């Protein structure tokens, strides 16, 4: 199917547009994202958006579009408390997708429940794909220990693809001096080759507060 998008859509900041497209891909109720258009009403020059289901029954998606127009998509699959992250790509505007590649090197090491969103993706100018996600209770390597109870917290996990996006490196934990990871991390890749990840946790040296 297709739908007419509101006039302000082309003017959305890039990060808002990215999230909105991801919400569309989940095939949630259409009127949650678009202004209603009366039957027969003329809407000149309105772009058309095709709604597609996430491949392979996945959910909690995130996507990025490479400089060559390739759509890079990651999504969550499995038990929401101990699932997996998969990556697919499309070179025909989302009409078809490649076979899924598992991003997490340890099965069941991702979580996507409640305020903890699914995996986040960024694509570097050279086409390399970078992914972060919240680790499950079983995920390794573990995070920094909570100084109050000694319990090692869940990690913020990261992996990147090879140049052809055919496989991903072993996952690694980015939390080296913080603990109690909260939901809502994100990632970006810069033109200069830098990769930037933000998350929410407590610093072992700064006491209370996130």
Protein backbone atom coordinates (compact mmCIF):
# COMPACT_ATOMS: atom_id res chain seq x y z
CA UNK A 1 0.00 0.00 0.00
CA UNK A 2 0.96 3.66 0.03
CA UNK A 3 0.13 6.78 1.96
CA UNK A 4 0.42 10.52 1.60
CA UNK A 5 2.88 11.98 4.06
CA UNK A 6 2.42 15.37 5.77
CA UNK A 7 3.92 18.41 4.13
CA UNK A 8 6.51 18.86 6.89
CA UNK A 9 8.07 15.43 6.27
CA UNK A 10 10.80 16.66 3.85
CA UNK A 11 11.86 19.27 6.38
CA UNK A 12 12.35 16.82 9.26
CA UNK A 13 15.84 16.69 10.77
CA UNK A 14 17.74 13.62 9.57
CA UNK A 15 17.59 11.85 12.94
CA UNK A 16 13.81 12.32 13.20
CA UNK A 17 13.32 11.09 9.65
CA UNK A 18 15.42 8.00 10.39
CA UNK A 19 13.32 7.13 13.46
CA UNK A 20 10.06 7.81 11.63
CA UNK A 21 10.99 5.49 8.79
CA UNK A 22 11.84 2.80 11.35
CA UNK A 23 8.42 3.23 12.93
CA UNK A 24 6.83 2.88 9.51
CA UNK A 25 8.69 -0.35 8.91
CA UNK A 26 7.01 -1.88 11.95
CA UNK A 27 3.66 -1.43 10.16
CA UNK A 28 2.01 0.28 13.08
CA UNK A 29 -1.34 2.10 12.57
CA UNK A 30 -0.98 4.48 9.67
CA UNK A 31 -2.81 7.39 11.25
CA UNK A 32 -0.24 7.45 14.06
CA UNK A 33 2.30 8.90 11.65
CA UNK A 34 0.41 10.71 8.88
CA UNK A 35 -2.03 13.56 8.65
CA UNK A 36 -5.43 12.32 7.45
CA UNK A 37 -6.28 13.24 3.88
CA UNK A 38 -9.98 13.39 2.93
CA UNK A 39 -11.00 11.04 0.12
CA UNK A 40 -10.51 12.65 -3.25
CA UNK A 41 -8.52 15.56 -1.85
CA UNK A 42 -5.72 16.79 -4.08
CA UNK A 43 -2.29 16.88 -2.47
CA UNK A 44 0.17 18.24 -5.05
CA UNK A 45 3.75 17.03 -5.07
CA UNK A 46 3.19 14.77 -2.05
CA UNK A 47 5.76 11.97 -1.76
CA UNK A 48 4.52 8.40 -1.51
CA UNK A 49 5.77 5.97 1.13
CA UNK A 50 5.50 2.21 0.63
CA UNK A 51 4.98 0.24 3.82
CA UNK A 52 7.09 -2.91 4.16
CA UNK A 53 7.22 -5.49 6.91
CA UNK A 54 10.52 -6.12 8.64
CA UNK A 55 12.15 -9.15 6.98
CA UNK A 56 11.98 -12.53 8.70
CA UNK A 57 9.47 -11.44 11.34
CA UNK A 58 11.91 -9.08 13.04
CA UNK A 59 10.97 -6.08 15.19
CA UNK A 60 12.53 -3.02 16.86
CA UNK A 61 14.35 -1.98 13.64
CA UNK A 62 16.84 0.75 12.89
CA UNK A 63 18.18 1.73 9.48
CA UNK A 64 20.65 3.91 7.67
CA UNK A 65 21.05 4.71 3.98
CA UNK A 66 24.53 4.55 2.50
CA UNK A 67 25.93 7.08 0.08
CA UNK A 68 25.26 4.68 -2.77
CA UNK A 69 21.57 4.45 -1.85
CA UNK A 70 21.80 1.03 -0.21
CA UNK A 71 19.39 0.59 2.72
CA UNK A 72 21.13 -1.00 5.72
CA UNK A 73 18.70 -2.43 8.28
CA UNK A 74 19.20 -4.08 11.67
CA UNK A 75 16.43 -5.62 13.72
CA UNK A 76 15.79 -7.69 16.82
CA UNK A 77 14.55 -11.27 16.73
CA UNK A 78 13.67 -13.87 19.35
CA UNK A 79 13.03 -13.67 23.10
CA UNK A 80 12.83 -10.00 24.11
CA UNK A 81 15.05 -10.72 27.14
CA UNK A 82 17.64 -12.83 25.31
CA UNK A 83 17.40 -12.41 21.56
CA UNK A 84 19.58 -11.77 18.54
CA UNK A 85 20.43 -8.87 16.25
CA UNK A 86 20.28 -9.37 12.49
CA UNK A 87 21.45 -7.27 9.57
CA UNK A 88 20.06 -7.12 6.03
CA UNK A 89 20.51 -4.70 3.15
CA UNK A 90 18.52 -3.68 0.10
CA UNK A 91 19.84 -2.22 -3.13
CA UNK A 92 16.43 -1.80 -4.75
CA UNK A 93 14.74 0.64 -2.38
CA UNK A 94 13.43 -1.99 0.01
CA UNK A 95 11.69 -4.21 -2.55
CA UNK A 96 13.97 -7.10 -1.63
CA UNK A 97 16.53 -7.71 1.12
CA UNK A 98 19.65 -9.81 1.41
CA UNK A 99 19.85 -12.95 3.51
CA UNK A 100 20.08 -12.05 7.23
CA UNK A 101 23.47 -11.97 8.94
CA UNK A 102 23.58 -12.28 12.73
CA UNK A 103 25.45 -9.36 14.27
CA UNK A 104 25.90 -10.59 17.86
CA UNK A 105 28.60 -13.24 18.12
CA UNK A 106 27.05 -14.77 21.26
CA UNK A 107 23.53 -16.14 20.72
CA UNK A 108 20.88 -14.57 22.95
CA UNK A 109 23.06 -11.63 23.98
CA UNK A 110 20.64 -8.83 23.06
CA UNK A 111 17.61 -7.40 24.83
CA UNK A 112 14.72 -5.26 23.58
CA UNK A 113 11.99 -4.82 26.19
CA UNK A 114 10.22 -1.83 27.70
CA UNK A 115 12.31 1.32 27.43
CA UNK A 116 15.27 -0.65 26.12
CA UNK A 117 15.16 -0.21 22.37
CA UNK A 118 16.57 -2.64 19.85
CA UNK A 119 19.86 -2.37 17.98
CA UNK A 120 21.12 0.92 16.56
CA UNK A 121 23.04 1.26 13.29
CA UNK A 122 25.38 3.69 11.57
CA UNK A 123 27.06 3.39 8.18
CA UNK A 124 30.46 4.95 7.56
CA UNK A 125 31.33 6.64 4.27
CA UNK A 126 33.35 3.56 3.25
CA UNK A 127 30.25 1.35 3.65
CA UNK A 128 31.31 -0.36 6.85
CA UNK A 129 28.34 -1.01 9.15
CA UNK A 130 28.55 -0.25 12.88
CA UNK A 131 25.97 -1.60 15.36
CA UNK A 132 25.38 -1.19 19.11
CA UNK A 133 22.84 -2.86 21.36
CA UNK A 134 22.00 -3.42 25.02
CA UNK A 135 23.37 -6.72 26.25
CA UNK A 136 21.10 -9.28 27.90
CA UNK A 137 21.64 -10.74 31.37
CA UNK A 138 23.56 -13.59 29.75
CA UNK A 139 25.68 -11.36 27.49
CA UNK A 140 29.46 -11.42 27.61
CA UNK A 141 31.72 -9.65 28.23
CA UNK A 142 29.97 -8.20 31.30
CA UNK A 143 30.01 -4.57 32.29
CA UNK A 144 31.73 -2.86 35.20
CA UNK A 145 30.67 -4.06 38.66
CA UNK A 146 28.30 -1.99 40.74
CA UNK A 147 30.48 -0.85 43.69
CA UNK A 148 27.56 -1.26 46.12
CA UNK A 149 26.71 -4.89 45.45
CA UNK A 150 29.57 -6.17 43.31
CA UNK A 151 27.21 -7.31 40.56
CA UNK A 152 28.58 -6.85 37.08
CA UNK A 153 26.12 -4.90 34.97
CA UNK A 154 24.79 -5.61 31.51
CA UNK A 155 27.09 -4.35 28.74
CA UNK A 156 26.67 -1.91 25.87
CA UNK A 157 27.78 -4.15 23.04
CA UNK A 158 29.29 -3.14 19.72
CA UNK A 159 30.29 -4.84 16.49
CA UNK A 160 31.23 -3.73 13.00
CA UNK A 161 31.09 -5.41 9.64
CA UNK A 162 33.76 -6.07 7.08
CA UNK A 163 33.81 -3.88 4.01
CA UNK A 164 31.37 -6.21 2.20
CA UNK A 165 28.92 -6.50 5.15
CA UNK A 166 29.07 -10.30 4.91
CA UNK A 167 30.12 -10.91 8.52
CA UNK A 168 30.59 -9.02 11.77
CA UNK A 169 33.47 -8.93 14.21
CA UNK A 170 33.13 -10.53 17.67
CA UNK A 171 31.06 -8.32 19.95
CA UNK A 172 32.85 -6.13 22.47
CA UNK A 173 31.69 -4.19 25.52
CA UNK A 174 32.06 -0.40 25.43
CA UNK A 175 31.34 0.22 29.12
CA UNK A 176 34.80 0.40 30.67
CA UNK A 177 34.15 2.73 33.62
CA UNK A 178 30.36 2.93 33.93
CA UNK A 179 27.71 0.53 35.20
CA UNK A 180 23.90 0.13 35.36
CA UNK A 181 23.34 0.60 31.64
CA UNK A 182 19.94 2.08 30.86
CA UNK A 183 17.95 1.95 27.60
CA UNK A 184 18.29 4.44 24.77
CA UNK A 185 21.82 4.19 23.38
CA UNK A 186 22.69 5.44 19.91
CA UNK A 187 25.55 5.48 17.40
CA UNK A 188 26.87 7.70 14.60
CA UNK A 189 29.72 7.44 12.10
CA UNK A 190 31.57 10.56 10.96
CA UNK A 191 33.18 11.48 7.66
CA UNK A 192 36.63 11.45 9.25
CA UNK A 193 36.40 7.78 10.22
CA UNK A 194 35.28 8.30 13.83
CA UNK A 195 32.47 6.25 15.37
CA UNK A 196 30.54 7.77 18.27
CA UNK A 197 28.35 5.93 20.78
CA UNK A 198 26.24 7.43 23.57
CA UNK A 199 24.62 5.56 26.43
CA UNK A 200 23.24 6.10 29.92
CA UNK A 201 24.84 4.74 33.08
CA UNK A 202 26.64 5.53 36.35
CA UNK A 203 30.33 6.39 36.50
CA UNK A 204 32.17 4.43 39.17
CA UNK A 205 34.20 7.55 40.09
CA UNK A 206 31.35 10.05 40.34
CA UNK A 207 28.93 8.43 42.78
CA UNK A 208 25.15 8.72 42.41
CA UNK A 209 23.45 10.04 39.28
CA UNK A 210 23.52 9.04 35.62
